[in-house]
């Protein structure tokens, strides 16, 4: 849509639909979607593959220099590489997902991955989603959006994907995750001062996507 390079940062709590919305918006805008969650999953996978206990922060920190992580886009899909090996299909298990959540809370891990994320944004137009993109990773992003919905709505959306789990259990998990994300010492979840606040509680997926694209077009005069 434009030859200039720009960055879009989308933050928000778990279950707000950030990844799905960001991925589709990137396709519509003709730019790259950076799945930051996949980056942390790769570190989590590496820790597990090397037999390091997730509770052993010191060993994880010592291992980081040996974790040569890179990413590339093949046919429009982000692929993750660990020491030159494509591990894209290896990082989607529930075990790796849990490990990613743990290692992402380690300051040294976040610092180790920070420059890689920024480097991508320097080379091409990107849309990134996470919990500290606008506040830490890309504070100079041209467009910042804080995507949120009530805990009840987010829990319902997740429950519909896994109805075998009681709704009350899913809701409690969402509330606990919010509390961890908002109160962690490293890069706590919070909107940047200049973020556009977008409440998707009453919006369906398509309406949310259109709302994000409209914000981007307005901010960048596209």
N, C-alpha and C. Protein backbone atom coordinates (compact mmCIF):
# COMPACT_ATOMS: atom_id res chain seq x y z
N UNK A 1 0.81 -1.21 0.00
CA UNK A 1 0.00 0.00 0.00
C UNK A 1 0.85 1.26 0.00
N UNK A 2 2.08 1.16 0.44
CA UNK A 2 2.99 2.30 0.46
C UNK A 2 4.41 1.79 0.47
N UNK A 3 5.34 2.61 -0.05
CA UNK A 3 6.74 2.19 -0.11
C UNK A 3 7.48 2.50 1.18
N UNK A 4 6.89 3.30 2.04
CA UNK A 4 7.58 3.64 3.28
C UNK A 4 7.51 2.48 4.26
N UNK A 5 8.48 2.45 5.16
CA UNK A 5 8.52 1.41 6.19
C UNK A 5 7.85 1.95 7.45
N UNK A 6 6.93 1.18 8.00
CA UNK A 6 6.25 1.62 9.22
C UNK A 6 5.97 0.40 10.10
N UNK A 7 5.69 0.69 11.37
CA UNK A 7 5.44 -0.38 12.34
C UNK A 7 4.09 -0.18 13.02
N UNK A 8 3.41 -1.31 13.24
CA UNK A 8 2.14 -1.30 13.96
C UNK A 8 2.31 -2.21 15.17
N UNK A 9 2.07 -1.67 16.34
CA UNK A 9 2.21 -2.43 17.59
C UNK A 9 0.84 -2.67 18.20
N UNK A 10 0.52 -3.93 18.43
CA UNK A 10 -0.77 -4.28 19.05
C UNK A 10 -0.52 -5.03 20.35
N UNK A 11 -1.00 -4.46 21.43
CA UNK A 11 -0.87 -5.09 22.74
C UNK A 11 -2.26 -5.40 23.28
N UNK A 12 -2.28 -6.21 24.33
CA UNK A 12 -3.55 -6.52 24.96
C UNK A 12 -3.48 -7.81 25.74
N UNK A 13 -4.48 -8.08 26.54
CA UNK A 13 -4.50 -9.28 27.39
C UNK A 13 -4.73 -10.55 26.58
N UNK A 14 -4.46 -11.67 27.20
CA UNK A 14 -4.67 -12.97 26.57
C UNK A 14 -6.13 -13.15 26.19
N UNK A 15 -6.36 -13.72 25.01
CA UNK A 15 -7.72 -13.99 24.59
C UNK A 15 -8.43 -12.83 23.93
N UNK A 16 -7.71 -11.74 23.68
CA UNK A 16 -8.33 -10.57 23.05
C UNK A 16 -8.39 -10.72 21.53
N UNK A 17 -7.77 -11.77 21.01
CA UNK A 17 -7.79 -12.00 19.57
C UNK A 17 -6.68 -11.31 18.81
N UNK A 18 -5.64 -10.91 19.52
CA UNK A 18 -4.57 -10.13 18.90
C UNK A 18 -3.93 -10.83 17.70
N UNK A 19 -3.54 -12.07 17.87
CA UNK A 19 -2.81 -12.77 16.81
C UNK A 19 -3.64 -12.94 15.55
N UNK A 20 -4.87 -13.39 15.71
CA UNK A 20 -5.74 -13.60 14.54
C UNK A 20 -6.01 -12.29 13.83
N UNK A 21 -6.30 -11.26 14.59
CA UNK A 21 -6.59 -9.95 14.02
C UNK A 21 -5.35 -9.36 13.35
N UNK A 22 -4.20 -9.44 14.03
CA UNK A 22 -2.96 -8.89 13.48
C UNK A 22 -2.55 -9.62 12.22
N UNK A 23 -2.68 -10.94 12.21
CA UNK A 23 -2.29 -11.73 11.04
C UNK A 23 -3.13 -11.36 9.81
N UNK A 24 -4.43 -11.26 10.02
CA UNK A 24 -5.32 -10.93 8.91
C UNK A 24 -5.12 -9.49 8.45
N UNK A 25 -4.93 -8.59 9.41
CA UNK A 25 -4.69 -7.19 9.06
C UNK A 25 -3.41 -7.05 8.24
N UNK A 26 -2.38 -7.81 8.60
CA UNK A 26 -1.12 -7.77 7.85
C UNK A 26 -1.34 -8.20 6.41
N UNK A 27 -2.12 -9.25 6.22
CA UNK A 27 -2.41 -9.72 4.87
C UNK A 27 -3.14 -8.64 4.07
N UNK A 28 -4.10 -8.00 4.71
CA UNK A 28 -4.88 -6.97 4.03
C UNK A 28 -4.03 -5.75 3.70
N UNK A 29 -3.10 -5.43 4.57
CA UNK A 29 -2.25 -4.25 4.39
C UNK A 29 -1.03 -4.54 3.54
N UNK A 30 -0.77 -5.81 3.28
CA UNK A 30 0.38 -6.19 2.47
C UNK A 30 1.71 -6.02 3.18
N UNK A 31 1.72 -6.26 4.50
CA UNK A 31 2.95 -6.13 5.27
C UNK A 31 3.19 -7.44 6.03
N UNK A 32 4.29 -7.50 6.79
CA UNK A 32 4.68 -8.72 7.49
C UNK A 32 4.06 -8.77 8.89
N UNK A 33 3.51 -9.93 9.22
CA UNK A 33 3.04 -10.18 10.58
C UNK A 33 4.15 -10.90 11.34
N UNK A 34 4.57 -10.33 12.46
CA UNK A 34 5.59 -10.94 13.30
C UNK A 34 4.91 -11.58 14.50
N UNK A 35 4.95 -12.89 14.56
CA UNK A 35 4.38 -13.65 15.67
C UNK A 35 5.42 -13.72 16.78
N UNK A 36 5.35 -12.77 17.72
CA UNK A 36 6.34 -12.74 18.80
C UNK A 36 6.19 -13.94 19.72
N UNK A 37 4.97 -14.48 19.81
CA UNK A 37 4.78 -15.66 20.64
C UNK A 37 5.61 -16.83 20.15
N UNK A 38 5.75 -16.94 18.82
CA UNK A 38 6.55 -18.02 18.24
C UNK A 38 8.01 -17.88 18.61
N UNK A 39 8.46 -16.65 18.79
CA UNK A 39 9.85 -16.42 19.16
C UNK A 39 10.11 -16.96 20.57
N UNK A 40 9.21 -16.67 21.49
CA UNK A 40 9.36 -17.17 22.85
C UNK A 40 9.13 -18.67 22.93
N UNK A 41 8.25 -19.18 22.07
CA UNK A 41 8.07 -20.63 22.00
C UNK A 41 9.37 -21.32 21.59
N UNK A 42 10.10 -20.67 20.70
CA UNK A 42 11.36 -21.27 20.24
C UNK A 42 12.37 -21.37 21.38
N UNK A 43 12.43 -20.34 22.21
CA UNK A 43 13.30 -20.40 23.39
C UNK A 43 12.80 -21.50 24.33
N UNK A 44 11.50 -21.56 24.55
CA UNK A 44 10.95 -22.59 25.42
C UNK A 44 11.26 -23.98 24.90
N UNK A 45 11.13 -24.16 23.61
CA UNK A 45 11.44 -25.45 22.99
C UNK A 45 12.92 -25.79 23.17
N UNK A 46 13.78 -24.80 22.98
CA UNK A 46 15.22 -25.02 23.12
C UNK A 46 15.58 -25.45 24.54
N UNK A 47 14.96 -24.81 25.52
CA UNK A 47 15.22 -25.14 26.91
C UNK A 47 14.81 -26.59 27.19
N UNK A 48 13.63 -26.98 26.73
CA UNK A 48 13.16 -28.34 26.94
C UNK A 48 14.04 -29.34 26.21
N UNK A 49 14.41 -29.03 24.97
CA UNK A 49 15.21 -29.95 24.16
C UNK A 49 16.59 -30.18 24.76
N UNK A 50 17.07 -29.22 25.53
CA UNK A 50 18.38 -29.35 26.14
C UNK A 50 18.30 -29.87 27.57
N UNK A 51 17.13 -30.30 27.97
CA UNK A 51 16.97 -30.90 29.29
C UNK A 51 17.16 -29.95 30.45
N UNK A 52 16.92 -28.68 30.23
CA UNK A 52 17.09 -27.69 31.29
C UNK A 52 15.78 -27.52 32.05
N UNK A 53 15.83 -27.55 33.34
CA UNK A 53 14.63 -27.37 34.15
C UNK A 53 14.13 -25.93 34.01
N UNK A 54 12.83 -25.79 33.81
CA UNK A 54 12.26 -24.45 33.63
C UNK A 54 12.40 -23.59 34.88
N UNK A 55 12.61 -24.23 36.01
CA UNK A 55 12.78 -23.50 37.26
C UNK A 55 14.21 -23.03 37.48
N UNK A 56 15.13 -23.52 36.65
CA UNK A 56 16.55 -23.18 36.80
C UNK A 56 16.89 -21.97 35.94
N UNK A 57 16.58 -20.80 36.45
CA UNK A 57 16.77 -19.55 35.70
C UNK A 57 18.24 -19.34 35.34
N UNK A 58 19.14 -19.67 36.26
CA UNK A 58 20.57 -19.48 36.00
C UNK A 58 21.03 -20.29 34.80
N UNK A 59 20.61 -21.54 34.70
CA UNK A 59 21.01 -22.40 33.58
C UNK A 59 20.41 -21.90 32.27
N UNK A 60 19.18 -21.41 32.34
CA UNK A 60 18.54 -20.86 31.14
C UNK A 60 19.32 -19.65 30.66
N UNK A 61 19.71 -18.80 31.59
CA UNK A 61 20.48 -17.61 31.22
C UNK A 61 21.84 -18.00 30.63
N UNK A 62 22.47 -19.00 31.20
CA UNK A 62 23.77 -19.46 30.69
C UNK A 62 23.64 -20.05 29.29
N UNK A 63 22.48 -20.65 29.01
CA UNK A 63 22.28 -21.30 27.72
C UNK A 63 22.02 -20.31 26.59
N UNK A 64 21.46 -19.15 26.88
CA UNK A 64 21.02 -18.21 25.86
C UNK A 64 22.03 -17.93 24.74
N UNK A 65 23.32 -17.70 25.04
CA UNK A 65 24.27 -17.42 23.95
C UNK A 65 24.37 -18.56 22.94
N UNK A 66 23.96 -19.76 23.33
CA UNK A 66 24.03 -20.91 22.43
C UNK A 66 22.75 -21.09 21.61
N UNK A 67 21.75 -20.28 21.91
CA UNK A 67 20.46 -20.38 21.20
C UNK A 67 20.45 -19.36 20.07
N UNK A 68 20.90 -19.77 18.92
CA UNK A 68 20.94 -18.87 17.76
C UNK A 68 19.59 -18.94 17.05
N UNK A 69 18.76 -17.93 17.32
CA UNK A 69 17.39 -17.92 16.81
C UNK A 69 17.27 -16.92 15.66
N UNK A 70 16.57 -17.34 14.62
CA UNK A 70 16.29 -16.45 13.50
C UNK A 70 14.92 -16.81 12.95
N UNK A 71 14.41 -15.96 12.09
CA UNK A 71 13.12 -16.23 11.47
C UNK A 71 13.12 -15.76 10.04
N UNK A 72 12.26 -16.37 9.25
CA UNK A 72 12.12 -16.01 7.84
C UNK A 72 10.67 -16.27 7.44
N UNK A 73 10.26 -15.64 6.36
CA UNK A 73 8.90 -15.80 5.89
C UNK A 73 8.92 -16.58 4.58
N UNK A 74 8.32 -17.76 4.60
CA UNK A 74 8.29 -18.64 3.44
C UNK A 74 6.85 -18.76 2.98
N UNK A 75 6.59 -18.32 1.76
CA UNK A 75 5.22 -18.29 1.23
C UNK A 75 4.29 -17.54 2.17
N UNK A 76 4.81 -16.47 2.76
CA UNK A 76 4.02 -15.63 3.64
C UNK A 76 3.84 -16.15 5.05
N UNK A 77 4.46 -17.29 5.36
CA UNK A 77 4.33 -17.89 6.70
C UNK A 77 5.64 -17.73 7.47
N UNK A 78 5.54 -17.28 8.71
CA UNK A 78 6.73 -17.09 9.53
C UNK A 78 7.28 -18.44 9.97
N UNK A 79 8.55 -18.67 9.69
CA UNK A 79 9.23 -19.89 10.11
C UNK A 79 10.29 -19.53 11.15
N UNK A 80 10.39 -20.34 12.18
CA UNK A 80 11.38 -20.12 13.23
C UNK A 80 12.53 -21.12 13.09
N UNK A 81 13.74 -20.61 13.28
CA UNK A 81 14.94 -21.45 13.16
C UNK A 81 15.74 -21.39 14.46
N UNK A 82 16.16 -22.55 14.90
CA UNK A 82 17.01 -22.67 16.08
C UNK A 82 18.31 -23.33 15.64
N UNK A 83 19.40 -22.59 15.74
CA UNK A 83 20.70 -23.09 15.28
C UNK A 83 20.58 -23.66 13.86
N UNK A 84 19.95 -22.87 12.99
CA UNK A 84 19.77 -23.15 11.55
C UNK A 84 18.75 -24.25 11.26
N UNK A 85 18.14 -24.86 12.27
CA UNK A 85 17.14 -25.90 12.05
C UNK A 85 15.74 -25.29 12.12
N UNK A 86 14.92 -25.59 11.12
CA UNK A 86 13.55 -25.10 11.09
C UNK A 86 12.74 -25.86 12.14
N UNK A 87 12.32 -25.15 13.18
CA UNK A 87 11.59 -25.79 14.28
C UNK A 87 10.13 -25.32 14.33
N UNK A 88 9.66 -24.76 13.23
CA UNK A 88 8.31 -24.20 13.19
C UNK A 88 7.25 -25.19 13.64
N UNK A 89 7.37 -26.44 13.19
CA UNK A 89 6.37 -27.45 13.55
C UNK A 89 6.59 -28.03 14.94
N UNK A 90 7.75 -27.75 15.52
CA UNK A 90 8.08 -28.32 16.83
C UNK A 90 7.59 -27.47 18.00
N UNK A 91 7.23 -26.23 17.73
CA UNK A 91 6.97 -25.30 18.82
C UNK A 91 5.49 -25.10 19.13
N UNK A 92 4.63 -25.95 18.59
CA UNK A 92 3.19 -25.75 18.75
C UNK A 92 2.53 -26.69 19.75
N UNK A 93 3.32 -27.47 20.47
CA UNK A 93 2.73 -28.38 21.45
C UNK A 93 2.33 -27.63 22.71
N UNK A 94 1.44 -28.24 23.49
CA UNK A 94 0.99 -27.64 24.75
C UNK A 94 2.16 -27.48 25.72
N UNK A 95 3.08 -28.46 25.69
CA UNK A 95 4.23 -28.40 26.60
C UNK A 95 5.11 -27.21 26.27
N UNK A 96 5.35 -26.99 24.98
CA UNK A 96 6.18 -25.86 24.57
C UNK A 96 5.47 -24.55 24.89
N UNK A 97 4.17 -24.52 24.70
CA UNK A 97 3.40 -23.32 25.01
C UNK A 97 3.55 -22.94 26.47
N UNK A 98 3.47 -23.93 27.34
CA UNK A 98 3.61 -23.68 28.78
C UNK A 98 5.02 -23.20 29.11
N UNK A 99 6.00 -23.79 28.47
CA UNK A 99 7.39 -23.40 28.74
C UNK A 99 7.65 -21.98 28.25
N UNK A 100 7.01 -21.61 27.14
CA UNK A 100 7.20 -20.27 26.60
C UNK A 100 6.72 -19.21 27.58
N UNK A 101 5.58 -19.50 28.23
CA UNK A 101 5.03 -18.56 29.21
C UNK A 101 5.99 -18.36 30.38
N UNK A 102 6.70 -19.42 30.74
CA UNK A 102 7.63 -19.34 31.87
C UNK A 102 8.90 -18.59 31.49
N UNK A 103 9.50 -18.95 30.36
CA UNK A 103 10.77 -18.31 29.98
C UNK A 103 10.55 -16.85 29.60
N UNK A 104 9.36 -16.51 29.13
CA UNK A 104 9.09 -15.13 28.74
C UNK A 104 9.10 -14.17 29.92
N UNK A 105 8.97 -14.72 31.12
CA UNK A 105 8.99 -13.89 32.32
C UNK A 105 10.40 -13.65 32.84
N UNK A 106 11.39 -14.25 32.20
CA UNK A 106 12.79 -14.09 32.64
C UNK A 106 13.39 -12.86 31.95
N UNK A 107 13.84 -11.87 32.71
CA UNK A 107 14.37 -10.63 32.13
C UNK A 107 15.46 -10.87 31.08
N UNK A 108 16.38 -11.79 31.35
CA UNK A 108 17.48 -12.04 30.42
C UNK A 108 16.98 -12.56 29.08
N UNK A 109 15.92 -13.34 29.09
CA UNK A 109 15.35 -13.87 27.85
C UNK A 109 14.74 -12.74 27.04
N UNK A 110 13.98 -11.89 27.68
CA UNK A 110 13.35 -10.78 26.97
C UNK A 110 14.40 -9.84 26.39
N UNK A 111 15.45 -9.61 27.15
CA UNK A 111 16.53 -8.74 26.66
C UNK A 111 17.24 -9.38 25.48
N UNK A 112 17.44 -10.69 25.54
CA UNK A 112 18.14 -11.42 24.49
C UNK A 112 17.39 -11.35 23.17
N UNK A 113 16.06 -11.37 23.23
CA UNK A 113 15.25 -11.39 22.02
C UNK A 113 14.83 -10.01 21.52
N UNK A 114 15.07 -9.01 22.33
CA UNK A 114 14.59 -7.66 22.02
C UNK A 114 15.14 -7.12 20.70
N UNK A 115 16.45 -7.19 20.53
CA UNK A 115 17.08 -6.61 19.35
C UNK A 115 16.64 -7.32 18.07
N UNK A 116 16.43 -8.63 18.14
CA UNK A 116 16.00 -9.37 16.96
C UNK A 116 14.64 -8.85 16.48
N UNK A 117 13.74 -8.59 17.41
CA UNK A 117 12.43 -8.08 17.04
C UNK A 117 12.52 -6.68 16.44
N UNK A 118 13.37 -5.86 17.03
CA UNK A 118 13.53 -4.50 16.52
C UNK A 118 14.19 -4.49 15.14
N UNK A 119 15.11 -5.40 14.92
CA UNK A 119 15.82 -5.46 13.65
C UNK A 119 14.85 -5.75 12.50
N UNK A 120 13.90 -6.63 12.73
CA UNK A 120 12.90 -6.94 11.70
C UNK A 120 12.14 -5.68 11.32
N UNK A 121 11.76 -4.90 12.32
CA UNK A 121 10.98 -3.69 12.08
C UNK A 121 11.79 -2.60 11.38
N UNK A 122 13.10 -2.65 11.50
CA UNK A 122 13.92 -1.67 10.81
C UNK A 122 14.02 -1.94 9.31
N UNK A 123 13.83 -3.20 8.94
CA UNK A 123 14.03 -3.60 7.55
C UNK A 123 12.75 -3.63 6.73
N UNK A 124 11.60 -3.78 7.39
CA UNK A 124 10.35 -3.90 6.63
C UNK A 124 9.17 -3.42 7.47
N UNK A 125 8.07 -3.16 6.80
CA UNK A 125 6.86 -2.77 7.51
C UNK A 125 6.29 -4.00 8.20
N UNK A 126 5.96 -3.83 9.47
CA UNK A 126 5.50 -4.98 10.26
C UNK A 126 4.31 -4.62 11.12
N UNK A 127 3.60 -5.67 11.51
CA UNK A 127 2.61 -5.57 12.57
C UNK A 127 2.97 -6.64 13.58
N UNK A 128 3.20 -6.24 14.82
CA UNK A 128 3.56 -7.16 15.89
C UNK A 128 2.50 -7.09 16.98
N UNK A 129 2.24 -8.23 17.59
CA UNK A 129 1.31 -8.23 18.71
C UNK A 129 1.96 -8.91 19.92
N UNK A 130 1.55 -8.50 21.09
CA UNK A 130 2.09 -9.07 22.31
C UNK A 130 1.55 -8.35 23.52
N UNK A 131 2.42 -8.20 24.52
CA UNK A 131 2.00 -7.52 25.74
C UNK A 131 2.89 -6.33 26.09
N UNK A 132 3.99 -6.17 25.34
CA UNK A 132 4.87 -5.03 25.60
C UNK A 132 5.45 -4.47 24.31
N UNK A 133 4.74 -4.66 23.21
CA UNK A 133 5.26 -4.22 21.92
C UNK A 133 5.34 -2.70 21.84
N UNK A 134 4.24 -2.02 22.20
CA UNK A 134 4.21 -0.57 22.12
C UNK A 134 5.00 0.11 23.23
N UNK A 135 5.13 -0.56 24.37
CA UNK A 135 5.80 0.06 25.51
C UNK A 135 7.29 -0.25 25.58
N UNK A 136 7.72 -1.40 25.04
CA UNK A 136 9.12 -1.80 25.17
C UNK A 136 9.77 -2.11 23.83
N UNK A 137 9.17 -3.00 23.06
CA UNK A 137 9.81 -3.48 21.84
C UNK A 137 9.86 -2.41 20.76
N UNK A 138 8.71 -1.80 20.47
CA UNK A 138 8.63 -0.79 19.41
C UNK A 138 7.98 0.50 19.94
N UNK A 139 8.63 1.17 20.88
CA UNK A 139 8.03 2.38 21.44
C UNK A 139 7.88 3.50 20.42
N UNK A 140 8.59 3.40 19.29
CA UNK A 140 8.50 4.43 18.26
C UNK A 140 7.55 4.03 17.13
N UNK A 141 6.78 2.98 17.33
CA UNK A 141 5.85 2.53 16.29
C UNK A 141 4.91 3.66 15.87
N UNK A 142 4.66 3.73 14.58
CA UNK A 142 3.78 4.77 14.06
C UNK A 142 2.33 4.57 14.48
N UNK A 143 1.94 3.32 14.68
CA UNK A 143 0.57 3.02 15.11
C UNK A 143 0.64 2.10 16.33
N UNK A 144 -0.05 2.48 17.39
CA UNK A 144 -0.10 1.66 18.60
C UNK A 144 -1.56 1.43 18.96
N UNK A 145 -1.91 0.16 19.13
CA UNK A 145 -3.29 -0.20 19.45
C UNK A 145 -3.31 -1.12 20.67
N UNK A 146 -4.16 -0.81 21.61
CA UNK A 146 -4.34 -1.68 22.78
C UNK A 146 -5.69 -2.36 22.60
N UNK A 147 -5.64 -3.65 22.31
CA UNK A 147 -6.82 -4.44 21.99
C UNK A 147 -7.27 -5.18 23.25
N UNK A 148 -8.52 -4.98 23.65
CA UNK A 148 -8.97 -5.63 24.88
C UNK A 148 -10.45 -5.99 24.80
N UNK A 149 -10.87 -6.79 25.75
CA UNK A 149 -12.27 -7.17 25.92
C UNK A 149 -12.43 -7.59 27.37
N UNK A 150 -13.64 -7.65 27.83
CA UNK A 150 -13.86 -8.04 29.22
C UNK A 150 -13.37 -9.47 29.44
N UNK A 151 -13.02 -9.78 30.69
CA UNK A 151 -12.54 -11.13 31.01
C UNK A 151 -13.61 -12.16 30.68
N UNK A 152 -14.87 -11.82 30.91
CA UNK A 152 -15.97 -12.75 30.65
C UNK A 152 -16.09 -13.06 29.15
N UNK A 153 -15.95 -12.04 28.33
CA UNK A 153 -16.05 -12.24 26.88
C UNK A 153 -14.86 -13.06 26.38
N UNK A 154 -13.68 -12.74 26.86
CA UNK A 154 -12.49 -13.48 26.42
C UNK A 154 -12.56 -14.94 26.86
N UNK A 155 -13.06 -15.15 28.06
CA UNK A 155 -13.21 -16.52 28.56
C UNK A 155 -14.24 -17.29 27.72
N UNK A 156 -15.31 -16.62 27.35
CA UNK A 156 -16.33 -17.29 26.54
C UNK A 156 -15.77 -17.69 25.18
N UNK A 157 -14.98 -16.81 24.58
CA UNK A 157 -14.38 -17.12 23.28
C UNK A 157 -13.48 -18.35 23.38
N UNK A 158 -12.70 -18.41 24.43
CA UNK A 158 -11.81 -19.56 24.61
C UNK A 158 -12.60 -20.83 24.93
N UNK A 159 -13.64 -20.67 25.74
CA UNK A 159 -14.45 -21.82 26.12
C UNK A 159 -15.12 -22.45 24.91
N UNK A 160 -15.54 -21.63 23.95
CA UNK A 160 -16.18 -22.14 22.74
C UNK A 160 -15.22 -22.98 21.90
N UNK A 161 -13.91 -22.74 22.09
CA UNK A 161 -12.90 -23.51 21.36
C UNK A 161 -12.58 -24.83 22.07
N UNK A 162 -12.87 -24.89 23.36
CA UNK A 162 -12.61 -26.12 24.12
C UNK A 162 -13.72 -26.32 25.15
N UNK A 163 -14.93 -26.63 24.67
CA UNK A 163 -16.11 -26.75 25.55
C UNK A 163 -16.03 -27.87 26.58
N UNK A 164 -15.03 -28.74 26.42
CA UNK A 164 -14.90 -29.82 27.41
C UNK A 164 -14.42 -29.29 28.76
N UNK A 165 -13.87 -28.09 28.77
CA UNK A 165 -13.43 -27.46 30.01
C UNK A 165 -14.54 -26.54 30.52
N UNK A 166 -14.93 -26.64 31.79
CA UNK A 166 -16.00 -25.78 32.31
C UNK A 166 -15.69 -24.30 32.11
N UNK A 167 -16.72 -23.54 31.75
CA UNK A 167 -16.54 -22.11 31.52
C UNK A 167 -15.93 -21.41 32.73
N UNK A 168 -16.38 -21.77 33.92
CA UNK A 168 -15.87 -21.13 35.14
C UNK A 168 -14.37 -21.34 35.28
N UNK A 169 -13.89 -22.52 34.87
CA UNK A 169 -12.46 -22.81 34.94
C UNK A 169 -11.69 -21.93 33.96
N UNK A 170 -12.23 -21.79 32.76
CA UNK A 170 -11.58 -20.95 31.74
C UNK A 170 -11.55 -19.50 32.20
N UNK A 171 -12.65 -19.03 32.77
CA UNK A 171 -12.71 -17.66 33.26
C UNK A 171 -11.67 -17.41 34.34
N UNK A 172 -11.53 -18.34 35.26
CA UNK A 172 -10.55 -18.20 36.32
C UNK A 172 -9.14 -18.17 35.75
N UNK A 173 -8.88 -18.99 34.73
CA UNK A 173 -7.57 -19.00 34.09
C UNK A 173 -7.27 -17.66 33.42
N UNK A 174 -8.27 -17.07 32.78
CA UNK A 174 -8.10 -15.77 32.13
C UNK A 174 -7.79 -14.70 33.15
N UNK A 175 -8.53 -14.70 34.25
CA UNK A 175 -8.31 -13.71 35.31
C UNK A 175 -6.92 -13.85 35.91
N UNK A 176 -6.50 -15.09 36.16
CA UNK A 176 -5.17 -15.33 36.74
C UNK A 176 -4.08 -14.90 35.77
N UNK A 177 -4.27 -15.18 34.47
CA UNK A 177 -3.28 -14.77 33.47
C UNK A 177 -3.18 -13.25 33.40
N UNK A 178 -4.31 -12.58 33.44
CA UNK A 178 -4.31 -11.11 33.45
C UNK A 178 -3.52 -10.58 34.63
N UNK A 179 -3.75 -11.17 35.79
CA UNK A 179 -3.06 -10.72 37.00
C UNK A 179 -1.56 -10.89 36.88
N UNK A 180 -1.12 -12.04 36.33
CA UNK A 180 0.31 -12.27 36.15
C UNK A 180 0.90 -11.28 35.16
N UNK A 181 0.21 -11.09 34.05
CA UNK A 181 0.73 -10.22 33.01
C UNK A 181 0.80 -8.76 33.46
N UNK A 182 -0.18 -8.33 34.20
CA UNK A 182 -0.24 -6.93 34.59
C UNK A 182 0.65 -6.60 35.77
N UNK A 183 1.03 -7.62 36.54
CA UNK A 183 1.81 -7.37 37.76
C UNK A 183 3.22 -7.94 37.74
N UNK A 184 3.64 -8.49 36.59
CA UNK A 184 5.00 -9.04 36.53
C UNK A 184 6.01 -7.90 36.57
N UNK A 185 7.20 -8.19 37.06
CA UNK A 185 8.22 -7.16 37.22
C UNK A 185 8.78 -6.71 35.87
N UNK A 186 8.85 -7.63 34.92
CA UNK A 186 9.43 -7.31 33.61
C UNK A 186 8.34 -7.04 32.59
N UNK A 187 8.39 -5.86 31.98
CA UNK A 187 7.46 -5.49 30.91
C UNK A 187 6.01 -5.85 31.22
N UNK A 188 5.45 -5.30 32.28
CA UNK A 188 4.05 -5.62 32.61
C UNK A 188 3.10 -5.15 31.52
N UNK A 189 1.98 -5.83 31.41
CA UNK A 189 0.97 -5.47 30.42
C UNK A 189 0.31 -4.16 30.80
N UNK A 190 0.40 -3.18 29.91
CA UNK A 190 -0.27 -1.90 30.10
C UNK A 190 -0.27 -1.18 28.75
N UNK A 191 -1.26 -0.35 28.50
CA UNK A 191 -1.28 0.38 27.23
C UNK A 191 -0.27 1.51 27.23
N UNK A 192 0.35 1.75 26.08
CA UNK A 192 1.22 2.91 25.95
C UNK A 192 0.36 4.16 26.03
N UNK A 193 0.95 5.26 26.46
CA UNK A 193 0.19 6.49 26.63
C UNK A 193 -0.48 6.93 25.34
N UNK A 194 0.15 6.63 24.21
CA UNK A 194 -0.41 7.08 22.93
C UNK A 194 -1.07 5.95 22.14
N UNK A 195 -1.44 4.87 22.84
CA UNK A 195 -2.14 3.78 22.17
C UNK A 195 -3.60 4.15 21.93
N UNK A 196 -4.12 3.65 20.82
CA UNK A 196 -5.56 3.76 20.58
C UNK A 196 -6.21 2.58 21.29
N UNK A 197 -7.16 2.84 22.16
CA UNK A 197 -7.83 1.78 22.91
C UNK A 197 -8.98 1.22 22.07
N UNK A 198 -8.98 -0.10 21.87
CA UNK A 198 -10.02 -0.72 21.07
C UNK A 198 -10.66 -1.86 21.86
N UNK A 199 -11.89 -1.65 22.29
CA UNK A 199 -12.64 -2.65 23.04
C UNK A 199 -13.42 -3.52 22.05
N UNK A 200 -13.08 -4.81 22.00
CA UNK A 200 -13.74 -5.71 21.05
C UNK A 200 -14.84 -6.56 21.70
N UNK A 201 -15.23 -6.19 22.90
CA UNK A 201 -16.23 -6.99 23.63
C UNK A 201 -17.50 -7.18 22.83
N UNK A 202 -17.92 -6.14 22.11
CA UNK A 202 -19.17 -6.20 21.35
C UNK A 202 -18.93 -6.36 19.85
N UNK A 203 -17.69 -6.65 19.46
CA UNK A 203 -17.36 -6.81 18.05
C UNK A 203 -17.07 -8.26 17.72
N UNK A 204 -17.48 -8.70 16.54
CA UNK A 204 -17.07 -10.03 16.11
C UNK A 204 -15.70 -9.93 15.46
N UNK A 205 -15.16 -11.05 15.01
CA UNK A 205 -13.79 -11.05 14.47
C UNK A 205 -13.65 -10.11 13.28
N UNK A 206 -14.57 -10.19 12.32
CA UNK A 206 -14.46 -9.36 11.13
C UNK A 206 -14.56 -7.88 11.47
N UNK A 207 -15.44 -7.54 12.39
CA UNK A 207 -15.58 -6.14 12.80
C UNK A 207 -14.31 -5.65 13.50
N UNK A 208 -13.68 -6.52 14.28
CA UNK A 208 -12.44 -6.15 14.96
C UNK A 208 -11.33 -5.91 13.96
N UNK A 209 -11.24 -6.76 12.95
CA UNK A 209 -10.22 -6.61 11.91
C UNK A 209 -10.42 -5.29 11.18
N UNK A 210 -11.65 -5.00 10.81
CA UNK A 210 -11.94 -3.75 10.09
C UNK A 210 -11.61 -2.54 10.96
N UNK A 211 -11.89 -2.64 12.25
CA UNK A 211 -11.61 -1.53 13.16
C UNK A 211 -10.10 -1.26 13.23
N UNK A 212 -9.30 -2.33 13.31
CA UNK A 212 -7.84 -2.17 13.35
C UNK A 212 -7.33 -1.57 12.05
N UNK A 213 -7.80 -2.07 10.93
CA UNK A 213 -7.35 -1.55 9.64
C UNK A 213 -7.74 -0.08 9.48
N UNK A 214 -8.92 0.28 9.93
CA UNK A 214 -9.34 1.68 9.84
C UNK A 214 -8.46 2.59 10.69
N UNK A 215 -8.07 2.10 11.87
CA UNK A 215 -7.17 2.88 12.73
C UNK A 215 -5.83 3.08 12.04
N UNK A 216 -5.30 2.02 11.44
CA UNK A 216 -4.02 2.10 10.75
C UNK A 216 -4.10 3.09 9.59
N UNK A 217 -5.14 2.97 8.79
CA UNK A 217 -5.28 3.85 7.63
C UNK A 217 -5.41 5.30 8.04
N UNK A 218 -6.14 5.53 9.13
CA UNK A 218 -6.31 6.90 9.60
C UNK A 218 -5.00 7.47 10.14
N UNK A 219 -4.27 6.65 10.92
CA UNK A 219 -3.02 7.12 11.51
C UNK A 219 -1.94 7.38 10.45
N UNK A 220 -1.92 6.53 9.42
CA UNK A 220 -0.87 6.64 8.41
C UNK A 220 -1.33 7.34 7.15
N UNK A 221 -2.58 7.78 7.13
CA UNK A 221 -3.15 8.45 5.96
C UNK A 221 -3.00 7.59 4.72
N UNK A 222 -3.33 6.31 4.84
CA UNK A 222 -3.21 5.39 3.70
C UNK A 222 -4.46 5.45 2.83
